[in-house]
Amino acid sequence: MPSKIPAPRPTPGGFRCRNDFAGKGLPTEWETSRNWLDNQMKFALLIKFFQAGCLAVVIGFGMMRAEAQTTAFTFPPIGMYSNVLNYAVTHINVISLGVFVWTTNNSWKVYYGGVWYASATNYVISKSQMDQQIIAKQITNVVSQIITNTNPTIDKSKGVLVYAACNFNTNSSTSYENLTAEEKIPLPQNLDGSYGMPDLSSFSTTLADYISFYVPNLQWARIETGYNGDSDPFEVDDEFYDSGSNPIDDEGFLEINTDYITNSASVGGSYWMKITTFNGTFQIFNGDGNQIPETPMKLGMSNDGTYATVTVNGGDSGRGYILQWSSDLKNWTNSVPYFFLPLPENEATPPQFYRPLSQASKLFFRTATTNTVPTY
């Protein structure tokens, strides 16, 4: 992912222009690539909070339960292209635009670079409005200058190269672009050799390869993806499973592959997903963005005639828990904290309790979840 260089904030509702050839706006040094645009601010969506009751399941020789109030967040609807597109479009509040011209040095150079910020009276309503009335309109303004520019280093026969990035900004945090466009646009030549305005009526942005989701205070996340009909995931993104596969970016946003969240198995698509997050609350979502229950923890006991071994089975990777035991169901002793291991599949962790059978047979056992970020 590109690094981020904050751009000066212009007056909301319009572009702050950079025009290297016309000498307007920002400094007039030439750019040798589109890096200036690639390094613009990145933005994200604030996800809604609500209060919900969370059941901490404890299972032992006698079933026990404990209730806890937690703060949770709601994922926007995903799973289909239309859902993800709607999420991306309806939360855009910043657009970066770059227009490049071909020069006699045989390279693309920045002619214009600008950043648009939404305002109370000028904001994104729909994708077509954004594409045509905001981005294409500004491209038209820039191209109208290019076709009349007499700078001899500009080769207008090559047309113009346009790069647009549509982003989110929230809570002083920024995400990578969720909608982009990169298009080479020919300039029609008139009979007298001059160049005219291109037809931009079909100009359109598309979803980026990854979509950014803002989860406040996100501390850990895990994304499992598998093929429809196969219970084993083919991809696991989790820094504890693979240090190079952390789905959280450098500013705390959750980055999810667009192909996976637009092709959900629940609507006949190719993929199932299990998205686990911890931001002070442990939650699991499916590929549609719906919260799903945690895998129950189940206790098992085995003995060799002399010693008893208690194991904790089930559970979800990253979930923190403790094993508790009591002789009277009133006073409980806690084990050290544990986490379910970051394995591709849910598997039992090593035994937590190993005692003489004569002692264990007189005890009750249960598990209790801990609301802590995973550590291994």
Foldseek 3Di string as FASTA:
>chain_A
DAAADEDDDDDAQAKQKDFLQVCDGDGNDKDQDCNVQQRYFFAADDFDKDKDKDKWWKDWPDGDTDIDIDIDTFFFFFQAPVRLQCVQQVAFFKKKKWKWFQFPVRGTITRMIIMHGHDPVHGGDDQLCCQPVPHVVVVQVSVVCVLPDPPRGGDLQQAMWMKMFTHHHDPNHGRGGQKIDIDGFHWPADPVGGTDGGDCSPGGIDTDQKDWHDDPQWDFKKKFKCWVPDPFGPDIQGCQVPVVRGQADPRGIGIDGRVQRNADVVVVGTMKMWMWTARLDTWIAISRRHTDDWWDWDWDWDDPQWKIFIWIFGTDAFWKKWKWKDLPVPDIDTFPIDGQHPDSDGGTDPTRDMGTPVVVVRMIMIMGTDRDGDDD
